[in-house]
N, C-alpha and C. Protein backbone atom coordinates (compact mmCIF):
# COMPACT_ATOMS: atom_id res chain seq x y z
N MET A 1 84.87 -37.64 -50.93
CA MET A 1 83.61 -38.28 -51.25
C MET A 1 82.50 -37.23 -51.19
N THR A 2 81.70 -37.20 -52.23
CA THR A 2 80.65 -36.18 -52.30
C THR A 2 79.50 -36.50 -51.35
N LYS A 3 78.75 -35.47 -51.04
CA LYS A 3 77.58 -35.65 -50.17
C LYS A 3 76.56 -36.57 -50.83
N ALA A 4 76.37 -36.41 -52.13
CA ALA A 4 75.42 -37.25 -52.85
C ALA A 4 75.83 -38.72 -52.80
N ARG A 5 77.11 -38.97 -52.94
CA ARG A 5 77.61 -40.35 -52.87
C ARG A 5 77.41 -40.94 -51.49
N LYS A 6 77.70 -40.14 -50.45
CA LYS A 6 77.47 -40.60 -49.08
C LYS A 6 76.01 -40.95 -48.86
N GLN A 7 75.12 -40.10 -49.33
CA GLN A 7 73.68 -40.35 -49.17
C GLN A 7 73.26 -41.62 -49.92
N ALA A 8 73.81 -41.82 -51.09
CA ALA A 8 73.48 -43.02 -51.86
C ALA A 8 73.95 -44.28 -51.14
N ILE A 9 75.13 -44.22 -50.54
CA ILE A 9 75.65 -45.36 -49.77
C ILE A 9 74.75 -45.62 -48.56
N LYS A 10 74.38 -44.56 -47.86
CA LYS A 10 73.48 -44.71 -46.70
C LYS A 10 72.15 -45.34 -47.12
N LYS A 11 71.65 -44.95 -48.27
CA LYS A 11 70.39 -45.51 -48.78
C LYS A 11 70.55 -47.01 -49.04
N GLU A 12 71.66 -47.41 -49.64
CA GLU A 12 71.91 -48.83 -49.91
C GLU A 12 72.05 -49.62 -48.61
N ILE A 13 72.67 -49.01 -47.59
CA ILE A 13 72.78 -49.67 -46.28
C ILE A 13 71.38 -49.93 -45.72
N LYS A 14 70.52 -48.92 -45.77
CA LYS A 14 69.16 -49.07 -45.25
C LYS A 14 68.38 -50.14 -46.01
N ASN A 15 68.62 -50.25 -47.32
CA ASN A 15 67.90 -51.22 -48.15
C ASN A 15 68.46 -52.63 -48.04
N SER A 16 69.61 -52.77 -47.40
CA SER A 16 70.25 -54.08 -47.31
C SER A 16 69.78 -54.84 -46.07
N ASP A 17 70.21 -56.10 -45.99
CA ASP A 17 69.91 -56.94 -44.82
C ASP A 17 70.98 -56.82 -43.75
N TRP A 18 71.92 -55.92 -43.94
CA TRP A 18 73.06 -55.82 -43.04
C TRP A 18 72.74 -54.98 -41.82
N ASP A 19 72.91 -55.57 -40.64
CA ASP A 19 72.82 -54.86 -39.36
C ASP A 19 74.26 -54.55 -38.97
N MET A 20 74.66 -53.30 -39.13
CA MET A 20 76.07 -52.95 -38.97
C MET A 20 76.61 -53.16 -37.57
N SER A 21 75.73 -53.38 -36.58
CA SER A 21 76.21 -53.60 -35.21
C SER A 21 76.50 -55.07 -34.92
N GLU A 22 76.14 -55.95 -35.85
CA GLU A 22 76.33 -57.39 -35.67
C GLU A 22 77.25 -57.94 -36.76
N PRO A 23 78.17 -58.83 -36.39
CA PRO A 23 79.03 -59.44 -37.41
C PRO A 23 78.20 -60.28 -38.38
N ASN A 24 78.31 -59.98 -39.66
CA ASN A 24 77.63 -60.77 -40.69
C ASN A 24 78.40 -60.57 -41.99
N ASN A 25 79.41 -61.40 -42.17
CA ASN A 25 80.28 -61.27 -43.34
C ASN A 25 79.53 -61.35 -44.66
N LEU A 26 78.60 -62.28 -44.74
CA LEU A 26 77.88 -62.48 -46.00
C LEU A 26 77.02 -61.26 -46.35
N ALA A 27 76.29 -60.72 -45.38
CA ALA A 27 75.45 -59.55 -45.64
C ALA A 27 76.30 -58.35 -46.06
N LEU A 28 77.46 -58.19 -45.44
CA LEU A 28 78.34 -57.07 -45.82
C LEU A 28 78.91 -57.28 -47.21
N ALA A 29 79.27 -58.51 -47.56
CA ALA A 29 79.76 -58.79 -48.91
C ALA A 29 78.67 -58.53 -49.95
N LEU A 30 77.43 -58.89 -49.64
CA LEU A 30 76.32 -58.63 -50.56
C LEU A 30 76.08 -57.13 -50.71
N LEU A 31 76.20 -56.38 -49.62
CA LEU A 31 76.09 -54.93 -49.70
C LEU A 31 77.19 -54.37 -50.59
N SER A 32 78.39 -54.87 -50.43
CA SER A 32 79.51 -54.43 -51.27
C SER A 32 79.20 -54.66 -52.75
N ASN A 33 78.63 -55.82 -53.06
CA ASN A 33 78.26 -56.10 -54.46
C ASN A 33 77.28 -55.06 -54.98
N GLU A 34 76.31 -54.69 -54.16
CA GLU A 34 75.33 -53.70 -54.58
C GLU A 34 75.97 -52.32 -54.75
N LEU A 35 76.88 -51.96 -53.84
CA LEU A 35 77.58 -50.68 -53.96
C LEU A 35 78.42 -50.64 -55.24
N GLU A 36 79.01 -51.76 -55.59
CA GLU A 36 79.76 -51.84 -56.85
C GLU A 36 78.84 -51.69 -58.06
N LYS A 37 77.72 -52.39 -58.04
CA LYS A 37 76.77 -52.30 -59.15
C LYS A 37 76.30 -50.86 -59.36
N GLN A 38 76.10 -50.15 -58.26
CA GLN A 38 75.64 -48.76 -58.32
C GLN A 38 76.79 -47.80 -58.62
N GLU A 39 78.01 -48.36 -58.76
CA GLU A 39 79.24 -47.59 -59.00
C GLU A 39 79.52 -46.57 -57.89
N LEU A 40 79.21 -46.99 -56.66
CA LEU A 40 79.48 -46.14 -55.49
C LEU A 40 80.85 -46.46 -54.90
N ILE A 41 81.35 -47.65 -55.16
CA ILE A 41 82.73 -48.03 -54.80
C ILE A 41 83.33 -48.75 -56.00
N ASP A 42 84.66 -48.73 -56.09
CA ASP A 42 85.32 -49.42 -57.19
C ASP A 42 86.27 -50.50 -56.67
N PHE A 43 85.86 -51.14 -55.60
CA PHE A 43 86.59 -52.26 -55.02
C PHE A 43 85.56 -53.23 -54.46
N SER A 44 86.03 -54.41 -54.09
CA SER A 44 85.14 -55.45 -53.58
C SER A 44 85.48 -55.78 -52.14
N ILE A 45 84.45 -55.98 -51.35
CA ILE A 45 84.61 -56.52 -50.00
C ILE A 45 84.13 -57.97 -50.11
N MET A 46 85.08 -58.88 -50.08
CA MET A 46 84.81 -60.29 -50.37
C MET A 46 84.79 -61.12 -49.09
N PHE A 47 83.83 -62.03 -49.03
CA PHE A 47 83.77 -63.00 -47.93
C PHE A 47 84.69 -64.16 -48.28
N ARG A 48 85.61 -64.46 -47.41
CA ARG A 48 86.55 -65.56 -47.60
C ARG A 48 86.49 -66.48 -46.38
N GLU A 49 86.75 -67.75 -46.60
CA GLU A 49 86.79 -68.69 -45.48
C GLU A 49 87.69 -69.87 -45.82
N ASP A 50 88.17 -70.51 -44.75
CA ASP A 50 88.88 -71.77 -44.90
C ASP A 50 88.29 -72.73 -43.86
N THR A 51 88.96 -73.78 -43.56
CA THR A 51 88.38 -74.78 -42.66
C THR A 51 88.23 -74.30 -41.22
N SER A 52 88.98 -73.28 -40.83
CA SER A 52 88.91 -72.86 -39.43
C SER A 52 88.62 -71.38 -39.21
N ASP A 53 88.43 -70.61 -40.29
CA ASP A 53 88.27 -69.17 -40.11
C ASP A 53 87.47 -68.59 -41.27
N ALA A 54 86.94 -67.40 -41.03
CA ALA A 54 86.25 -66.63 -42.07
C ALA A 54 86.62 -65.17 -41.88
N TRP A 55 86.70 -64.43 -42.99
CA TRP A 55 87.09 -63.03 -42.90
C TRP A 55 86.58 -62.26 -44.11
N LEU A 56 86.69 -60.96 -44.02
CA LEU A 56 86.35 -60.07 -45.13
C LEU A 56 87.65 -59.53 -45.72
N GLN A 57 87.78 -59.63 -47.01
CA GLN A 57 88.99 -59.21 -47.71
C GLN A 57 88.60 -58.16 -48.74
N VAL A 58 89.38 -57.09 -48.81
CA VAL A 58 89.13 -56.02 -49.78
C VAL A 58 90.11 -56.17 -50.93
N GLU A 59 89.57 -56.16 -52.15
CA GLU A 59 90.43 -56.23 -53.32
C GLU A 59 89.85 -55.36 -54.43
N TYR A 60 90.72 -55.02 -55.37
CA TYR A 60 90.31 -54.23 -56.53
C TYR A 60 91.16 -54.64 -57.72
N ILE A 61 90.73 -54.25 -58.90
CA ILE A 61 91.50 -54.53 -60.11
C ILE A 61 92.36 -53.31 -60.42
N ASN A 62 93.67 -53.49 -60.37
CA ASN A 62 94.58 -52.41 -60.74
C ASN A 62 94.57 -52.27 -62.25
N GLN A 63 94.33 -51.05 -62.73
CA GLN A 63 94.19 -50.81 -64.16
C GLN A 63 95.50 -50.99 -64.93
N ASP A 64 96.63 -50.71 -64.30
CA ASP A 64 97.92 -50.88 -64.99
C ASP A 64 98.29 -52.35 -65.14
N LEU A 65 98.03 -53.12 -64.11
CA LEU A 65 98.36 -54.55 -64.14
C LEU A 65 97.23 -55.40 -64.73
N ASN A 66 96.01 -54.85 -64.68
CA ASN A 66 94.81 -55.60 -65.05
C ASN A 66 94.76 -56.90 -64.25
N TYR A 67 94.99 -56.74 -62.95
CA TYR A 67 95.11 -57.88 -62.05
C TYR A 67 94.52 -57.49 -60.69
N PRO A 68 93.89 -58.41 -59.99
CA PRO A 68 93.36 -58.06 -58.67
C PRO A 68 94.47 -57.83 -57.65
N VAL A 69 94.27 -56.85 -56.81
CA VAL A 69 95.21 -56.52 -55.74
C VAL A 69 94.45 -56.57 -54.42
N ILE A 70 94.99 -57.28 -53.46
CA ILE A 70 94.36 -57.35 -52.14
C ILE A 70 94.81 -56.14 -51.35
N VAL A 71 93.85 -55.39 -50.84
CA VAL A 71 94.13 -54.16 -50.10
C VAL A 71 94.12 -54.40 -48.60
N ASP A 72 93.23 -55.27 -48.14
CA ASP A 72 93.05 -55.48 -46.70
C ASP A 72 92.54 -56.90 -46.47
N TYR A 73 93.18 -57.61 -45.53
CA TYR A 73 92.76 -58.96 -45.18
C TYR A 73 91.83 -58.98 -43.97
N ASP A 74 91.58 -57.84 -43.38
CA ASP A 74 90.86 -57.83 -42.11
C ASP A 74 89.88 -56.65 -42.06
N PHE A 75 88.98 -56.58 -43.04
CA PHE A 75 87.98 -55.51 -43.06
C PHE A 75 87.05 -55.69 -41.86
N PRO A 76 86.73 -54.60 -41.15
CA PRO A 76 85.88 -54.74 -39.96
C PRO A 76 84.50 -55.33 -40.30
N GLN A 77 83.95 -56.04 -39.33
CA GLN A 77 82.64 -56.66 -39.51
C GLN A 77 81.51 -55.80 -38.95
N CYS A 78 81.84 -54.93 -38.00
CA CYS A 78 80.81 -54.13 -37.33
C CYS A 78 81.22 -52.65 -37.33
N PHE A 79 80.20 -51.80 -37.30
CA PHE A 79 80.43 -50.35 -37.28
C PHE A 79 79.40 -49.71 -36.35
N ASP A 80 79.78 -48.59 -35.73
CA ASP A 80 78.86 -47.89 -34.83
C ASP A 80 77.71 -47.25 -35.59
N ASN A 81 77.99 -46.79 -36.81
CA ASN A 81 76.96 -46.12 -37.61
C ASN A 81 77.41 -46.06 -39.07
N SER A 82 76.52 -45.57 -39.93
CA SER A 82 76.85 -45.54 -41.35
C SER A 82 78.01 -44.59 -41.66
N ASP A 83 78.15 -43.52 -40.87
CA ASP A 83 79.26 -42.59 -41.09
C ASP A 83 80.60 -43.28 -40.84
N ALA A 84 80.67 -44.15 -39.83
CA ALA A 84 81.90 -44.89 -39.55
C ALA A 84 82.21 -45.85 -40.69
N PHE A 85 81.19 -46.48 -41.25
CA PHE A 85 81.38 -47.36 -42.40
C PHE A 85 81.90 -46.57 -43.60
N ILE A 86 81.30 -45.43 -43.87
CA ILE A 86 81.72 -44.59 -44.99
C ILE A 86 83.15 -44.10 -44.79
N GLU A 87 83.51 -43.77 -43.58
CA GLU A 87 84.88 -43.34 -43.30
C GLU A 87 85.87 -44.47 -43.60
N THR A 88 85.49 -45.70 -43.28
CA THR A 88 86.34 -46.85 -43.59
C THR A 88 86.46 -47.04 -45.10
N LEU A 89 85.38 -46.84 -45.83
CA LEU A 89 85.44 -46.90 -47.29
C LEU A 89 86.41 -45.86 -47.84
N LYS A 90 86.37 -44.66 -47.28
CA LYS A 90 87.29 -43.60 -47.71
C LYS A 90 88.74 -43.99 -47.42
N GLU A 91 88.98 -44.63 -46.28
CA GLU A 91 90.34 -45.09 -45.96
C GLU A 91 90.82 -46.14 -46.96
N ILE A 92 89.93 -47.02 -47.37
CA ILE A 92 90.28 -48.03 -48.37
C ILE A 92 90.64 -47.34 -49.69
N GLU A 93 89.85 -46.34 -50.08
CA GLU A 93 90.14 -45.61 -51.32
C GLU A 93 91.50 -44.93 -51.26
N THR A 94 91.87 -44.41 -50.09
CA THR A 94 93.19 -43.79 -49.92
C THR A 94 94.29 -44.84 -50.07
N LYS A 95 94.08 -46.02 -49.48
CA LYS A 95 95.06 -47.11 -49.63
C LYS A 95 95.22 -47.50 -51.10
N ILE A 96 94.11 -47.57 -51.80
CA ILE A 96 94.16 -47.94 -53.22
C ILE A 96 94.94 -46.91 -54.02
N THR A 97 94.71 -45.64 -53.74
CA THR A 97 95.46 -44.58 -54.42
C THR A 97 96.95 -44.73 -54.18
N LYS A 98 97.35 -45.02 -52.95
CA LYS A 98 98.76 -45.21 -52.61
C LYS A 98 99.35 -46.43 -53.32
N ILE A 99 98.59 -47.51 -53.36
CA ILE A 99 99.06 -48.71 -54.05
C ILE A 99 99.24 -48.42 -55.54
N ASP A 100 98.26 -47.74 -56.14
CA ASP A 100 98.37 -47.40 -57.56
C ASP A 100 99.60 -46.55 -57.84
N GLU A 101 99.89 -45.61 -56.95
CA GLU A 101 101.07 -44.76 -57.12
C GLU A 101 102.35 -45.59 -57.03
N MET A 102 102.40 -46.57 -56.14
CA MET A 102 103.59 -47.40 -56.00
C MET A 102 103.79 -48.30 -57.22
N ILE A 103 102.71 -48.73 -57.83
CA ILE A 103 102.80 -49.63 -58.97
C ILE A 103 103.28 -48.89 -60.22
N LYS A 104 102.90 -47.64 -60.36
CA LYS A 104 103.27 -46.88 -61.58
C LYS A 104 104.73 -46.65 -61.68
């Protein structure tokens, strides 16, 4: 991940309503939408819920299948700082690369 991309993500975090030290699934999902719009990430952090639980799920569209693939059912809700959040984004990108390699 380039330094410019990291700085752009940090800027979007500052401009968002998300307090990374407090659980807020909806604010994090909205931040994810903005990061996607800015083409800073190519996956979605989605807010999901059922009658007894709520969680953050990471998914992306696999280009070979042209189908959504769920990468993570348990994306963290809180982070110590923006660098920890960015590191988690990098880990998700690594998982996506591995999934893409397995699908090919």
